[in-house]
Amino acid sequence: MLIGFGSIIVGTVRIGDGCIVGAGSVVVRDLEPFTVCAGVPAKLIRNRYER
């Protein structure tokens, strides 16, 4: 898991293994493993690997 600078994690959310959270993002819900997420609120940008 990699959390970008200035990101805010709200409450008791789960951030999956291998997830990347973009800088300045606000995480308000659970994030799936091996995804790239960013924004306010953080949402899926893309999967890191093909499934």
N, C-alpha and C. Protein backbone atom coordinates (compact mmCIF):
# COMPACT_ATOMS: atom_id res chain seq x y z
N MET A 1 0.85 -1.17 0.00
CA MET A 1 0.00 0.00 0.00
C MET A 1 0.89 1.23 0.00
N LEU A 2 0.52 2.21 -0.80
CA LEU A 2 1.25 3.46 -0.88
C LEU A 2 0.23 4.58 -0.75
N ILE A 3 0.43 5.46 0.23
CA ILE A 3 -0.50 6.56 0.45
C ILE A 3 0.23 7.85 0.16
N GLY A 4 -0.29 8.63 -0.79
CA GLY A 4 0.34 9.87 -1.22
C GLY A 4 0.32 10.95 -0.16
N PHE A 5 1.22 11.89 -0.28
CA PHE A 5 1.37 13.00 0.65
C PHE A 5 0.08 13.81 0.76
N GLY A 6 -0.31 14.14 1.97
CA GLY A 6 -1.47 14.99 2.20
C GLY A 6 -2.80 14.29 2.09
N SER A 7 -2.79 12.97 1.96
CA SER A 7 -4.05 12.22 1.88
C SER A 7 -4.70 12.16 3.25
N ILE A 8 -6.02 12.10 3.26
CA ILE A 8 -6.77 12.03 4.51
C ILE A 8 -7.58 10.73 4.49
N ILE A 9 -7.42 9.94 5.56
CA ILE A 9 -8.15 8.69 5.70
C ILE A 9 -9.22 8.93 6.77
N VAL A 10 -10.50 8.84 6.39
CA VAL A 10 -11.60 9.16 7.29
C VAL A 10 -12.20 7.89 7.85
N GLY A 11 -12.31 7.80 9.17
CA GLY A 11 -12.99 6.69 9.81
C GLY A 11 -12.20 5.40 9.79
N THR A 12 -12.94 4.30 9.78
CA THR A 12 -12.32 2.97 9.84
C THR A 12 -12.44 2.27 8.49
N VAL A 13 -11.85 2.84 7.47
CA VAL A 13 -11.89 2.25 6.14
C VAL A 13 -10.76 1.25 5.98
N ARG A 14 -10.92 0.33 5.04
CA ARG A 14 -9.87 -0.65 4.73
C ARG A 14 -9.27 -0.30 3.40
N ILE A 15 -7.95 -0.27 3.37
CA ILE A 15 -7.22 -0.02 2.13
C ILE A 15 -6.53 -1.33 1.78
N GLY A 16 -6.91 -1.91 0.64
CA GLY A 16 -6.43 -3.22 0.24
C GLY A 16 -4.93 -3.28 0.00
N ASP A 17 -4.38 -4.49 0.06
CA ASP A 17 -2.96 -4.73 -0.21
C ASP A 17 -2.62 -4.23 -1.61
N GLY A 18 -1.50 -3.56 -1.74
CA GLY A 18 -1.04 -3.11 -3.04
C GLY A 18 -1.79 -1.93 -3.62
N CYS A 19 -2.65 -1.32 -2.84
CA CYS A 19 -3.44 -0.17 -3.31
C CYS A 19 -2.57 1.09 -3.29
N ILE A 20 -2.74 1.95 -4.30
CA ILE A 20 -2.05 3.23 -4.35
C ILE A 20 -3.09 4.33 -4.23
N VAL A 21 -2.90 5.23 -3.25
CA VAL A 21 -3.80 6.35 -3.04
C VAL A 21 -3.07 7.62 -3.47
N GLY A 22 -3.64 8.36 -4.40
CA GLY A 22 -3.01 9.57 -4.92
C GLY A 22 -2.87 10.67 -3.87
N ALA A 23 -1.90 11.54 -4.06
CA ALA A 23 -1.64 12.64 -3.14
C ALA A 23 -2.85 13.55 -3.03
N GLY A 24 -3.16 13.98 -1.81
CA GLY A 24 -4.25 14.90 -1.57
C GLY A 24 -5.64 14.28 -1.62
N SER A 25 -5.72 12.97 -1.70
CA SER A 25 -7.02 12.29 -1.78
C SER A 25 -7.67 12.21 -0.41
N VAL A 26 -8.99 12.08 -0.42
CA VAL A 26 -9.75 11.87 0.81
C VAL A 26 -10.44 10.52 0.69
N VAL A 27 -10.03 9.57 1.52
CA VAL A 27 -10.57 8.21 1.47
C VAL A 27 -11.72 8.11 2.47
N VAL A 28 -12.93 7.84 1.97
CA VAL A 28 -14.11 7.76 2.83
C VAL A 28 -14.77 6.39 2.78
N ARG A 29 -14.30 5.49 1.90
CA ARG A 29 -14.85 4.13 1.83
C ARG A 29 -13.72 3.15 1.53
N ASP A 30 -14.01 1.86 1.69
CA ASP A 30 -13.00 0.81 1.48
C ASP A 30 -12.49 0.84 0.04
N LEU A 31 -11.18 0.56 -0.11
CA LEU A 31 -10.55 0.51 -1.43
C LEU A 31 -10.09 -0.92 -1.70
N GLU A 32 -10.34 -1.39 -2.91
CA GLU A 32 -10.01 -2.76 -3.30
C GLU A 32 -8.49 -2.94 -3.42
N PRO A 33 -8.01 -4.19 -3.26
CA PRO A 33 -6.57 -4.46 -3.42
C PRO A 33 -6.10 -4.24 -4.86
N PHE A 34 -4.86 -3.84 -5.00
CA PHE A 34 -4.17 -3.66 -6.28
C PHE A 34 -4.90 -2.72 -7.23
N THR A 35 -5.31 -1.57 -6.71
CA THR A 35 -5.96 -0.54 -7.52
C THR A 35 -5.23 0.79 -7.33
N VAL A 36 -5.48 1.71 -8.24
CA VAL A 36 -4.98 3.08 -8.11
C VAL A 36 -6.21 3.94 -7.90
N CYS A 37 -6.24 4.68 -6.79
CA CYS A 37 -7.39 5.50 -6.43
C CYS A 37 -6.93 6.92 -6.13
N ALA A 38 -7.75 7.90 -6.50
CA ALA A 38 -7.41 9.29 -6.24
C ALA A 38 -8.67 10.14 -6.28
N GLY A 39 -8.58 11.34 -5.75
CA GLY A 39 -9.67 12.29 -5.82
C GLY A 39 -10.28 12.61 -4.47
N VAL A 40 -11.28 13.50 -4.52
CA VAL A 40 -12.01 13.89 -3.33
C VAL A 40 -13.49 13.69 -3.62
N PRO A 41 -14.11 12.64 -3.17
CA PRO A 41 -13.55 11.50 -2.44
C PRO A 41 -12.78 10.56 -3.37
N ALA A 42 -11.91 9.76 -2.79
CA ALA A 42 -11.08 8.85 -3.59
C ALA A 42 -11.96 7.83 -4.31
N LYS A 43 -11.69 7.62 -5.59
CA LYS A 43 -12.40 6.60 -6.36
C LYS A 43 -11.42 5.89 -7.28
N LEU A 44 -11.87 4.77 -7.81
CA LEU A 44 -11.02 3.94 -8.65
C LEU A 44 -10.62 4.68 -9.93
N ILE A 45 -9.32 4.70 -10.20
CA ILE A 45 -8.79 5.24 -11.45
C ILE A 45 -8.53 4.09 -12.41
N ARG A 46 -7.85 3.06 -11.90
CA ARG A 46 -7.60 1.87 -12.72
C ARG A 46 -7.06 0.76 -11.83
N ASN A 47 -7.07 -0.46 -12.36
CA ASN A 47 -6.45 -1.60 -11.68
C ASN A 47 -4.97 -1.60 -12.01
N ARG A 48 -4.17 -2.06 -11.06
CA ARG A 48 -2.72 -2.09 -11.28
C ARG A 48 -2.33 -3.23 -12.20
N TYR A 49 -3.05 -4.33 -12.16
CA TYR A 49 -2.73 -5.50 -12.95
C TYR A 49 -3.99 -5.98 -13.66
N GLU A 50 -3.81 -6.66 -14.78
CA GLU A 50 -4.94 -7.26 -15.46
C GLU A 50 -5.39 -8.48 -14.69
N ARG A 51 -6.70 -8.67 -14.60
CA ARG A 51 -7.22 -9.82 -13.85
C ARG A 51 -7.82 -10.79 -14.78
